[in-house]
Each structure stands twice: as C-alpha cells, then as structure tokens.
Amino acid sequence: WVEDRFQYVQSLCPKSTPMNVHPDT
C-alpha cells in the first residue's frame, strides 16, 4: 500500500500521462 499512488506510479513509469493514474480507480 502507498499513501500517494500518483507519485508511486510516476516513479516507476515516468512517461505516464495523468489519464493513466486518473482518480477514477
């Protein structure tokens, strides 16, 4: 579990667009 999934995904997949980690789970 992470408290900030946006930061977590950005760290592992830097080219992700906001849509890839959209708040819509």
mmCIF file of all heavy atoms, coordinates in Angstrom:
data_MODEL
# 
_entry.id   MODEL 
# 
loop_
_atom_site.group_PDB 
_atom_site.id 
_atom_site.type_symbol 
_atom_site.label_atom_id 
_atom_site.label_alt_id 
_atom_site.label_comp_id 
_atom_site.label_asym_id 
_atom_site.label_entity_id 
_atom_site.label_seq_id 
_atom_site.pdbx_PDB_ins_code 
_atom_site.Cartn_x 
_atom_site.Cartn_y 
_atom_site.Cartn_z 
_atom_site.occupancy 
_atom_site.B_iso_or_equiv 
_atom_site.pdbx_formal_charge 
_atom_site.auth_seq_id 
_atom_site.auth_comp_id 
_atom_site.auth_asym_id 
_atom_site.auth_atom_id 
_atom_site.pdbx_PDB_model_num 
ATOM 1   N N   . TRP A 1 1  ? 0.850   -1.191 0.000   1.00 0.00 ? 1  TRP A N   1 
ATOM 2   C CA  . TRP A 1 1  ? 0.000   0.000  0.000   1.00 0.00 ? 1  TRP A CA  1 
ATOM 3   C C   . TRP A 1 1  ? 0.886   1.241  0.000   1.00 0.00 ? 1  TRP A C   1 
ATOM 4   O O   . TRP A 1 1  ? 1.937   1.249  0.658   1.00 0.00 ? 1  TRP A O   1 
ATOM 5   C CB  . TRP A 1 1  ? -0.875  0.064  1.253   1.00 0.00 ? 1  TRP A CB  1 
ATOM 6   C CG  . TRP A 1 1  ? -1.984  -0.923 1.322   1.00 0.00 ? 1  TRP A CG  1 
ATOM 7   C CD1 . TRP A 1 1  ? -3.239  -0.798 0.806   1.00 0.00 ? 1  TRP A CD1 1 
ATOM 8   C CD2 . TRP A 1 1  ? -1.958  -2.196 1.997   1.00 0.00 ? 1  TRP A CD2 1 
ATOM 9   N NE1 . TRP A 1 1  ? -4.003  -1.906 1.099   1.00 0.00 ? 1  TRP A NE1 1 
ATOM 10  C CE2 . TRP A 1 1  ? -3.238  -2.781 1.841   1.00 0.00 ? 1  TRP A CE2 1 
ATOM 11  C CE3 . TRP A 1 1  ? -0.994  -2.887 2.717   1.00 0.00 ? 1  TRP A CE3 1 
ATOM 12  C CZ2 . TRP A 1 1  ? -3.559  -4.019 2.373   1.00 0.00 ? 1  TRP A CZ2 1 
ATOM 13  C CZ3 . TRP A 1 1  ? -1.311  -4.124 3.251   1.00 0.00 ? 1  TRP A CZ3 1 
ATOM 14  C CH2 . TRP A 1 1  ? -2.574  -4.687 3.077   1.00 0.00 ? 1  TRP A CH2 1 
ATOM 15  N N   . VAL A 1 2  ? 0.468   2.277  -0.703  1.00 0.00 ? 2  VAL A N   1 
ATOM 16  C CA  . VAL A 1 2  ? 1.182   3.555  -0.691  1.00 0.00 ? 2  VAL A CA  1 
ATOM 17  C C   . VAL A 1 2  ? 0.183   4.668  -0.421  1.00 0.00 ? 2  VAL A C   1 
ATOM 18  O O   . VAL A 1 2  ? -0.994  4.569  -0.802  1.00 0.00 ? 2  VAL A O   1 
ATOM 19  C CB  . VAL A 1 2  ? 1.918   3.814  -2.023  1.00 0.00 ? 2  VAL A CB  1 
ATOM 20  C CG1 . VAL A 1 2  ? 3.072   2.845  -2.195  1.00 0.00 ? 2  VAL A CG1 1 
ATOM 21  C CG2 . VAL A 1 2  ? 0.961   3.729  -3.209  1.00 0.00 ? 2  VAL A CG2 1 
ATOM 22  N N   . GLU A 1 3  ? 0.634   5.726  0.243   1.00 0.00 ? 3  GLU A N   1 
ATOM 23  C CA  . GLU A 1 3  ? -0.287  6.821  0.538   1.00 0.00 ? 3  GLU A CA  1 
ATOM 24  C C   . GLU A 1 3  ? -0.477  7.734  -0.668  1.00 0.00 ? 3  GLU A C   1 
ATOM 25  O O   . GLU A 1 3  ? -1.455  8.478  -0.729  1.00 0.00 ? 3  GLU A O   1 
ATOM 26  C CB  . GLU A 1 3  ? 0.204   7.628  1.732   1.00 0.00 ? 3  GLU A CB  1 
ATOM 27  C CG  . GLU A 1 3  ? 1.492   8.400  1.521   1.00 0.00 ? 3  GLU A CG  1 
ATOM 28  C CD  . GLU A 1 3  ? 1.830   9.286  2.708   1.00 0.00 ? 3  GLU A CD  1 
ATOM 29  O OE1 . GLU A 1 3  ? 0.931   9.548  3.542   1.00 0.00 ? 3  GLU A OE1 1 
ATOM 30  O OE2 . GLU A 1 3  ? 2.994   9.720  2.810   1.00 0.00 ? 3  GLU A OE2 1 
ATOM 31  N N   . ASP A 1 4  ? 0.441   7.662  -1.638  1.00 0.00 ? 4  ASP A N   1 
ATOM 32  C CA  . ASP A 1 4  ? 0.337   8.511  -2.828  1.00 0.00 ? 4  ASP A CA  1 
ATOM 33  C C   . ASP A 1 4  ? 0.591   7.653  -4.069  1.00 0.00 ? 4  ASP A C   1 
ATOM 34  O O   . ASP A 1 4  ? 1.719   7.466  -4.494  1.00 0.00 ? 4  ASP A O   1 
ATOM 35  C CB  . ASP A 1 4  ? 1.355   9.652  -2.752  1.00 0.00 ? 4  ASP A CB  1 
ATOM 36  C CG  . ASP A 1 4  ? 1.172   10.672 -3.875  1.00 0.00 ? 4  ASP A CG  1 
ATOM 37  O OD1 . ASP A 1 4  ? 0.538   10.333 -4.905  1.00 0.00 ? 4  ASP A OD1 1 
ATOM 38  O OD2 . ASP A 1 4  ? 1.677   11.799 -3.741  1.00 0.00 ? 4  ASP A OD2 1 
ATOM 39  N N   . ARG A 1 5  ? -0.475  7.137  -4.649  1.00 0.00 ? 5  ARG A N   1 
ATOM 40  C CA  . ARG A 1 5  ? -0.320  6.238  -5.795  1.00 0.00 ? 5  ARG A CA  1 
ATOM 41  C C   . ARG A 1 5  ? 0.147   6.985  -7.037  1.00 0.00 ? 5  ARG A C   1 
ATOM 42  O O   . ARG A 1 5  ? 0.763   6.403  -7.929  1.00 0.00 ? 5  ARG A O   1 
ATOM 43  C CB  . ARG A 1 5  ? -1.610  5.486  -6.086  1.00 0.00 ? 5  ARG A CB  1 
ATOM 44  C CG  . ARG A 1 5  ? -2.790  6.313  -6.559  1.00 0.00 ? 5  ARG A CG  1 
ATOM 45  C CD  . ARG A 1 5  ? -3.972  5.392  -6.876  1.00 0.00 ? 5  ARG A CD  1 
ATOM 46  N NE  . ARG A 1 5  ? -5.135  6.100  -7.372  1.00 0.00 ? 5  ARG A NE  1 
ATOM 47  C CZ  . ARG A 1 5  ? -6.115  6.563  -6.620  1.00 0.00 ? 5  ARG A CZ  1 
ATOM 48  N NH1 . ARG A 1 5  ? -6.053  6.421  -5.307  1.00 0.00 ? 5  ARG A NH1 1 
ATOM 49  N NH2 . ARG A 1 5  ? -7.142  7.184  -7.151  1.00 0.00 ? 5  ARG A NH2 1 
ATOM 50  N N   . PHE A 1 6  ? -0.134  8.269  -7.115  1.00 0.00 ? 6  PHE A N   1 
ATOM 51  C CA  . PHE A 1 6  ? 0.292   9.049  -8.278  1.00 0.00 ? 6  PHE A CA  1 
ATOM 52  C C   . PHE A 1 6  ? 1.810   9.177  -8.294  1.00 0.00 ? 6  PHE A C   1 
ATOM 53  O O   . PHE A 1 6  ? 2.466   8.951  -9.311  1.00 0.00 ? 6  PHE A O   1 
ATOM 54  C CB  . PHE A 1 6  ? -0.382  10.422 -8.249  1.00 0.00 ? 6  PHE A CB  1 
ATOM 55  C CG  . PHE A 1 6  ? -1.873  10.349 -8.183  1.00 0.00 ? 6  PHE A CG  1 
ATOM 56  C CD1 . PHE A 1 6  ? -2.537  10.556 -6.987  1.00 0.00 ? 6  PHE A CD1 1 
ATOM 57  C CD2 . PHE A 1 6  ? -2.617  10.038 -9.308  1.00 0.00 ? 6  PHE A CD2 1 
ATOM 58  C CE1 . PHE A 1 6  ? -3.916  10.458 -6.916  1.00 0.00 ? 6  PHE A CE1 1 
ATOM 59  C CE2 . PHE A 1 6  ? -3.993  9.955  -9.257  1.00 0.00 ? 6  PHE A CE2 1 
ATOM 60  C CZ  . PHE A 1 6  ? -4.649  10.163 -8.048  1.00 0.00 ? 6  PHE A CZ  1 
ATOM 61  N N   . GLN A 1 7  ? 2.377   9.520  -7.149  1.00 0.00 ? 7  GLN A N   1 
ATOM 62  C CA  . GLN A 1 7  ? 3.827   9.623  -7.042  1.00 0.00 ? 7  GLN A CA  1 
ATOM 63  C C   . GLN A 1 7  ? 4.476   8.260  -7.269  1.00 0.00 ? 7  GLN A C   1 
ATOM 64  O O   . GLN A 1 7  ? 5.504   8.152  -7.948  1.00 0.00 ? 7  GLN A O   1 
ATOM 65  C CB  . GLN A 1 7  ? 4.207   10.154 -5.658  1.00 0.00 ? 7  GLN A CB  1 
ATOM 66  C CG  . GLN A 1 7  ? 5.707   10.335 -5.447  1.00 0.00 ? 7  GLN A CG  1 
ATOM 67  C CD  . GLN A 1 7  ? 6.025   10.697 -4.008  1.00 0.00 ? 7  GLN A CD  1 
ATOM 68  O OE1 . GLN A 1 7  ? 5.796   9.917  -3.096  1.00 0.00 ? 7  GLN A OE1 1 
ATOM 69  N NE2 . GLN A 1 7  ? 6.556   11.900 -3.813  1.00 0.00 ? 7  GLN A NE2 1 
ATOM 70  N N   . TYR A 1 8  ? 3.868   7.218  -6.723  1.00 0.00 ? 8  TYR A N   1 
ATOM 71  C CA  . TYR A 1 8  ? 4.409   5.867  -6.854  1.00 0.00 ? 8  TYR A CA  1 
ATOM 72  C C   . TYR A 1 8  ? 4.486   5.450  -8.324  1.00 0.00 ? 8  TYR A C   1 
ATOM 73  O O   . TYR A 1 8  ? 5.515   4.966  -8.800  1.00 0.00 ? 8  TYR A O   1 
ATOM 74  C CB  . TYR A 1 8  ? 3.543   4.887  -6.073  1.00 0.00 ? 8  TYR A CB  1 
ATOM 75  C CG  . TYR A 1 8  ? 3.985   3.443  -6.159  1.00 0.00 ? 8  TYR A CG  1 
ATOM 76  C CD1 . TYR A 1 8  ? 4.987   2.945  -5.329  1.00 0.00 ? 8  TYR A CD1 1 
ATOM 77  C CD2 . TYR A 1 8  ? 3.400   2.571  -7.072  1.00 0.00 ? 8  TYR A CD2 1 
ATOM 78  C CE1 . TYR A 1 8  ? 5.389   1.625  -5.411  1.00 0.00 ? 8  TYR A CE1 1 
ATOM 79  C CE2 . TYR A 1 8  ? 3.795   1.256  -7.164  1.00 0.00 ? 8  TYR A CE2 1 
ATOM 80  C CZ  . TYR A 1 8  ? 4.793   0.782  -6.331  1.00 0.00 ? 8  TYR A CZ  1 
ATOM 81  O OH  . TYR A 1 8  ? 5.192   -0.527 -6.432  1.00 0.00 ? 8  TYR A OH  1 
ATOM 82  N N   . VAL A 1 9  ? 3.399   5.638  -9.048  1.00 0.00 ? 9  VAL A N   1 
ATOM 83  C CA  . VAL A 1 9  ? 3.374   5.239  -10.458 1.00 0.00 ? 9  VAL A CA  1 
ATOM 84  C C   . VAL A 1 9  ? 4.321   6.102  -11.286 1.00 0.00 ? 9  VAL A C   1 
ATOM 85  O O   . VAL A 1 9  ? 5.025   5.598  -12.172 1.00 0.00 ? 9  VAL A O   1 
ATOM 86  C CB  . VAL A 1 9  ? 1.933   5.307  -11.011 1.00 0.00 ? 9  VAL A CB  1 
ATOM 87  C CG1 . VAL A 1 9  ? 1.923   5.113  -12.520 1.00 0.00 ? 9  VAL A CG1 1 
ATOM 88  C CG2 . VAL A 1 9  ? 1.066   4.248  -10.342 1.00 0.00 ? 9  VAL A CG2 1 
ATOM 89  N N   . GLN A 1 10 ? 4.385   7.390  -11.006 1.00 0.00 ? 10 GLN A N   1 
ATOM 90  C CA  . GLN A 1 10 ? 5.301   8.261  -11.734 1.00 0.00 ? 10 GLN A CA  1 
ATOM 91  C C   . GLN A 1 10 ? 6.747   7.815  -11.555 1.00 0.00 ? 10 GLN A C   1 
ATOM 92  O O   . GLN A 1 10 ? 7.561   7.909  -12.471 1.00 0.00 ? 10 GLN A O   1 
ATOM 93  C CB  . GLN A 1 10 ? 5.146   9.708  -11.239 1.00 0.00 ? 10 GLN A CB  1 
ATOM 94  C CG  . GLN A 1 10 ? 3.923   10.421 -11.776 1.00 0.00 ? 10 GLN A CG  1 
ATOM 95  C CD  . GLN A 1 10 ? 4.048   10.759 -13.258 1.00 0.00 ? 10 GLN A CD  1 
ATOM 96  O OE1 . GLN A 1 10 ? 5.091   11.220 -13.707 1.00 0.00 ? 10 GLN A OE1 1 
ATOM 97  N NE2 . GLN A 1 10 ? 2.991   10.526 -14.015 1.00 0.00 ? 10 GLN A NE2 1 
ATOM 98  N N   . SER A 1 11 ? 7.076   7.313  -10.378 1.00 0.00 ? 11 SER A N   1 
ATOM 99  C CA  . SER A 1 11 ? 8.451   6.890  -10.109 1.00 0.00 ? 11 SER A CA  1 
ATOM 100 C C   . SER A 1 11 ? 8.842   5.660  -10.908 1.00 0.00 ? 11 SER A C   1 
ATOM 101 O O   . SER A 1 11 ? 10.011  5.473  -11.259 1.00 0.00 ? 11 SER A O   1 
ATOM 102 C CB  . SER A 1 11 ? 8.630   6.613  -8.616  1.00 0.00 ? 11 SER A CB  1 
ATOM 103 O OG  . SER A 1 11 ? 7.937   5.440  -8.222  1.00 0.00 ? 11 SER A OG  1 
ATOM 104 N N   . LEU A 1 12 ? 7.871   4.816  -11.203 1.00 0.00 ? 12 LEU A N   1 
ATOM 105 C CA  . LEU A 1 12 ? 8.161   3.561  -11.903 1.00 0.00 ? 12 LEU A CA  1 
ATOM 106 C C   . LEU A 1 12 ? 7.830   3.636  -13.391 1.00 0.00 ? 12 LEU A C   1 
ATOM 107 O O   . LEU A 1 12 ? 8.277   2.805  -14.171 1.00 0.00 ? 12 LEU A O   1 
ATOM 108 C CB  . LEU A 1 12 ? 7.369   2.412  -11.262 1.00 0.00 ? 12 LEU A CB  1 
ATOM 109 C CG  . LEU A 1 12 ? 7.712   2.132  -9.791  1.00 0.00 ? 12 LEU A CG  1 
ATOM 110 C CD1 . LEU A 1 12 ? 6.750   1.095  -9.220  1.00 0.00 ? 12 LEU A CD1 1 
ATOM 111 C CD2 . LEU A 1 12 ? 9.146   1.632  -9.653  1.00 0.00 ? 12 LEU A CD2 1 
ATOM 112 N N   . CYS A 1 13 ? 7.035   4.612  -13.770 1.00 0.00 ? 13 CYS A N   1 
ATOM 113 C CA  . CYS A 1 13 ? 6.619   4.741  -15.163 1.00 0.00 ? 13 CYS A CA  1 
ATOM 114 C C   . CYS A 1 13 ? 6.559   6.227  -15.501 1.00 0.00 ? 13 CYS A C   1 
ATOM 115 O O   . CYS A 1 13 ? 5.475   6.808  -15.643 1.00 0.00 ? 13 CYS A O   1 
ATOM 116 C CB  . CYS A 1 13 ? 5.254   4.079  -15.357 1.00 0.00 ? 13 CYS A CB  1 
ATOM 117 S SG  . CYS A 1 13 ? 4.844   3.669  -17.053 1.00 0.00 ? 13 CYS A SG  1 
ATOM 118 N N   . PRO A 1 14 ? 7.709   6.894  -15.605 1.00 0.00 ? 14 PRO A N   1 
ATOM 119 C CA  . PRO A 1 14 ? 7.774   8.359  -15.733 1.00 0.00 ? 14 PRO A CA  1 
ATOM 120 C C   . PRO A 1 14 ? 6.986   8.945  -16.888 1.00 0.00 ? 14 PRO A C   1 
ATOM 121 O O   . PRO A 1 14 ? 6.598   10.108 -16.843 1.00 0.00 ? 14 PRO A O   1 
ATOM 122 C CB  . PRO A 1 14 ? 9.272   8.629  -15.903 1.00 0.00 ? 14 PRO A CB  1 
ATOM 123 C CG  . PRO A 1 14 ? 9.941   7.444  -15.311 1.00 0.00 ? 14 PRO A CG  1 
ATOM 124 C CD  . PRO A 1 14 ? 9.038   6.285  -15.600 1.00 0.00 ? 14 PRO A CD  1 
ATOM 125 N N   . LYS A 1 15 ? 6.770   8.181  -17.947 1.00 0.00 ? 15 LYS A N   1 
ATOM 126 C CA  . LYS A 1 15 ? 6.087   8.728  -19.120 1.00 0.00 ? 15 LYS A CA  1 
ATOM 127 C C   . LYS A 1 15 ? 4.573   8.610  -19.015 1.00 0.00 ? 15 LYS A C   1 
ATOM 128 O O   . LYS A 1 15 ? 3.856   8.921  -19.962 1.00 0.00 ? 15 LYS A O   1 
ATOM 129 C CB  . LYS A 1 15 ? 6.580   8.023  -20.387 1.00 0.00 ? 15 LYS A CB  1 
ATOM 130 C CG  . LYS A 1 15 ? 8.053   8.301  -20.699 1.00 0.00 ? 15 LYS A CG  1 
ATOM 131 C CD  . LYS A 1 15 ? 8.484   7.662  -21.999 1.00 0.00 ? 15 LYS A CD  1 
ATOM 132 C CE  . LYS A 1 15 ? 9.961   7.956  -22.304 1.00 0.00 ? 15 LYS A CE  1 
ATOM 133 N NZ  . LYS A 1 15 ? 10.393  7.329  -23.565 1.00 0.00 ? 15 LYS A NZ  1 
ATOM 134 N N   . SER A 1 16 ? 4.092   8.169  -17.869 1.00 0.00 ? 16 SER A N   1 
ATOM 135 C CA  . SER A 1 16 ? 2.644   8.049  -17.692 1.00 0.00 ? 16 SER A CA  1 
ATOM 136 C C   . SER A 1 16 ? 1.969   9.406  -17.830 1.00 0.00 ? 16 SER A C   1 
ATOM 137 O O   . SER A 1 16 ? 2.487   10.415 -17.360 1.00 0.00 ? 16 SER A O   1 
ATOM 138 C CB  . SER A 1 16 ? 2.336   7.488  -16.297 1.00 0.00 ? 16 SER A CB  1 
ATOM 139 O OG  . SER A 1 16 ? 2.833   6.182  -16.174 1.00 0.00 ? 16 SER A OG  1 
ATOM 140 N N   . THR A 1 17 ? 0.843   9.405  -18.468 1.00 0.00 ? 17 THR A N   1 
ATOM 141 C CA  . THR A 1 17 ? 0.054   10.628 -18.562 1.00 0.00 ? 17 THR A CA  1 
ATOM 142 C C   . THR A 1 17 ? -0.911  10.666 -17.383 1.00 0.00 ? 17 THR A C   1 
ATOM 143 O O   . THR A 1 17 ? -1.168  9.640  -16.749 1.00 0.00 ? 17 THR A O   1 
ATOM 144 C CB  . THR A 1 17 ? -0.757  10.634 -19.870 1.00 0.00 ? 17 THR A CB  1 
ATOM 145 O OG1 . THR A 1 17 ? -1.727  9.579  -19.802 1.00 0.00 ? 17 THR A OG1 1 
ATOM 146 C CG2 . THR A 1 17 ? 0.147   10.425 -21.070 1.00 0.00 ? 17 THR A CG2 1 
ATOM 147 N N   . PRO A 1 18 ? -1.469  11.816 -17.085 1.00 0.00 ? 18 PRO A N   1 
ATOM 148 C CA  . PRO A 1 18 ? -2.435  11.880 -15.985 1.00 0.00 ? 18 PRO A CA  1 
ATOM 149 C C   . PRO A 1 18 ? -3.585  10.898 -16.134 1.00 0.00 ? 18 PRO A C   1 
ATOM 150 O O   . PRO A 1 18 ? -4.114  10.406 -15.150 1.00 0.00 ? 18 PRO A O   1 
ATOM 151 C CB  . PRO A 1 18 ? -2.927  13.340 -16.053 1.00 0.00 ? 18 PRO A CB  1 
ATOM 152 C CG  . PRO A 1 18 ? -1.770  14.100 -16.633 1.00 0.00 ? 18 PRO A CG  1 
ATOM 153 C CD  . PRO A 1 18 ? -1.158  13.141 -17.638 1.00 0.00 ? 18 PRO A CD  1 
ATOM 154 N N   . MET A 1 19 ? -3.955  10.585 -17.366 1.00 0.00 ? 19 MET A N   1 
ATOM 155 C CA  . MET A 1 19 ? -5.053  9.637  -17.559 1.00 0.00 ? 19 MET A CA  1 
ATOM 156 C C   . MET A 1 19 ? -4.707  8.249  -17.061 1.00 0.00 ? 19 MET A C   1 
ATOM 157 O O   . MET A 1 19 ? -5.572  7.498  -16.624 1.00 0.00 ? 19 MET A O   1 
ATOM 158 C CB  . MET A 1 19 ? -5.429  9.573  -19.047 1.00 0.00 ? 19 MET A CB  1 
ATOM 159 C CG  . MET A 1 19 ? -6.259  10.749 -19.533 1.00 0.00 ? 19 MET A CG  1 
ATOM 160 S SD  . MET A 1 19 ? -7.847  10.864 -18.688 1.00 0.00 ? 19 MET A SD  1 
ATOM 161 C CE  . MET A 1 19 ? -8.642  9.378  -19.316 1.00 0.00 ? 19 MET A CE  1 
ATOM 162 N N   . ASN A 1 20 ? -3.419  7.880  -17.111 1.00 0.00 ? 20 ASN A N   1 
ATOM 163 C CA  . ASN A 1 20 ? -3.019  6.545  -16.687 1.00 0.00 ? 20 ASN A CA  1 
ATOM 164 C C   . ASN A 1 20 ? -3.174  6.347  -15.182 1.00 0.00 ? 20 ASN A C   1 
ATOM 165 O O   . ASN A 1 20 ? -3.258  5.223  -14.703 1.00 0.00 ? 20 ASN A O   1 
ATOM 166 C CB  . ASN A 1 20 ? -1.563  6.268  -17.076 1.00 0.00 ? 20 ASN A CB  1 
ATOM 167 C CG  . ASN A 1 20 ? -1.365  6.189  -18.575 1.00 0.00 ? 20 ASN A CG  1 
ATOM 168 O OD1 . ASN A 1 20 ? -0.524  6.868  -19.135 1.00 0.00 ? 20 ASN A OD1 1 
ATOM 169 N ND2 . ASN A 1 20 ? -2.160  5.353  -19.234 1.00 0.00 ? 20 ASN A ND2 1 
ATOM 170 N N   . VAL A 1 21 ? -3.149  7.423  -14.442 1.00 0.00 ? 21 VAL A N   1 
ATOM 171 C CA  . VAL A 1 21 ? -3.317  7.338  -12.994 1.00 0.00 ? 21 VAL A CA  1 
ATOM 172 C C   . VAL A 1 21 ? -4.471  8.243  -12.565 1.00 0.00 ? 21 VAL A C   1 
ATOM 173 O O   . VAL A 1 21 ? -4.413  8.946  -11.580 1.00 0.00 ? 21 VAL A O   1 
ATOM 174 C CB  . VAL A 1 21 ? -2.015  7.716  -12.245 1.00 0.00 ? 21 VAL A CB  1 
ATOM 175 C CG1 . VAL A 1 21 ? -1.012  6.621  -12.373 1.00 0.00 ? 21 VAL A CG1 1 
ATOM 176 C CG2 . VAL A 1 21 ? -1.431  9.031  -12.767 1.00 0.00 ? 21 VAL A CG2 1 
ATOM 177 N N   . HIS A 1 22 ? -5.504  8.219  -13.363 1.00 0.00 ? 22 HIS A N   1 
ATOM 178 C CA  . HIS A 1 22 ? -6.665  9.064  -13.136 1.00 0.00 ? 22 HIS A CA  1 
ATOM 179 C C   . HIS A 1 22 ? -7.308  8.727  -11.787 1.00 0.00 ? 22 HIS A C   1 
ATOM 180 O O   . HIS A 1 22 ? -7.311  7.567  -11.376 1.00 0.00 ? 22 HIS A O   1 
ATOM 181 C CB  . HIS A 1 22 ? -7.685  8.837  -14.260 1.00 0.00 ? 22 HIS A CB  1 
ATOM 182 C CG  . HIS A 1 22 ? -8.763  9.871  -14.294 1.00 0.00 ? 22 HIS A CG  1 
ATOM 183 N ND1 . HIS A 1 22 ? -9.905  9.765  -13.542 1.00 0.00 ? 22 HIS A ND1 1 
ATOM 184 C CD2 . HIS A 1 22 ? -8.865  11.043 -14.978 1.00 0.00 ? 22 HIS A CD2 1 
ATOM 185 C CE1 . HIS A 1 22 ? -10.676 10.827 -13.770 1.00 0.00 ? 22 HIS A CE1 1 
ATOM 186 N NE2 . HIS A 1 22 ? -10.065 11.612 -14.640 1.00 0.00 ? 22 HIS A NE2 1 
ATOM 187 N N   . PRO A 1 23 ? -7.845  9.718  -11.076 1.00 0.00 ? 23 PRO A N   1 
ATOM 188 C CA  . PRO A 1 23 ? -8.507  9.442  -9.793  1.00 0.00 ? 23 PRO A CA  1 
ATOM 189 C C   . PRO A 1 23 ? -9.613  8.406  -9.896  1.00 0.00 ? 23 PRO A C   1 
ATOM 190 O O   . PRO A 1 23 ? -9.960  7.769  -8.905  1.00 0.00 ? 23 PRO A O   1 
ATOM 191 C CB  . PRO A 1 23 ? -9.060  10.816 -9.395  1.00 0.00 ? 23 PRO A CB  1 
ATOM 192 C CG  . PRO A 1 23 ? -8.143  11.800 -10.047 1.00 0.00 ? 23 PRO A CG  1 
ATOM 193 C CD  . PRO A 1 23 ? -7.764  11.162 -11.360 1.00 0.00 ? 23 PRO A CD  1 
ATOM 194 N N   . ASP A 1 24 ? -10.175 8.236  -11.069 1.00 0.00 ? 24 ASP A N   1 
ATOM 195 C CA  . ASP A 1 24 ? -11.163 7.186  -11.275 1.00 0.00 ? 24 ASP A CA  1 
ATOM 196 C C   . ASP A 1 24 ? -10.446 5.846  -11.176 1.00 0.00 ? 24 ASP A C   1 
ATOM 197 O O   . ASP A 1 24 ? -9.787  5.397  -12.101 1.00 0.00 ? 24 ASP A O   1 
ATOM 198 C CB  . ASP A 1 24 ? -11.807 7.337  -12.661 1.00 0.00 ? 24 ASP A CB  1 
ATOM 199 C CG  . ASP A 1 24 ? -12.862 6.270  -12.929 1.00 0.00 ? 24 ASP A CG  1 
ATOM 200 O OD1 . ASP A 1 24 ? -13.022 5.373  -12.082 1.00 0.00 ? 24 ASP A OD1 1 
ATOM 201 O OD2 . ASP A 1 24 ? -13.503 6.345  -13.982 1.00 0.00 ? 24 ASP A OD2 1 
ATOM 202 N N   . THR A 1 25 ? -10.568 5.167  -10.035 1.00 0.00 ? 25 THR A N   1 
ATOM 203 C CA  . THR A 1 25 ? -9.788  3.955  -9.787  1.00 0.00 ? 25 THR A CA  1 
ATOM 204 C C   . THR A 1 25 ? -10.111 2.825  -10.754 1.00 0.00 ? 25 THR A C   1 
ATOM 205 O O   . THR A 1 25 ? -9.344  1.882  -10.893 1.00 0.00 ? 25 THR A O   1 
ATOM 206 C CB  . THR A 1 25 ? -10.025 3.452  -8.351  1.00 0.00 ? 25 THR A CB  1 
ATOM 207 O OG1 . THR A 1 25 ? -11.432 3.253  -8.139  1.00 0.00 ? 25 THR A OG1 1 
ATOM 208 C CG2 . THR A 1 25 ? -9.504  4.445  -7.341  1.00 0.00 ? 25 THR A CG2 1 
# 
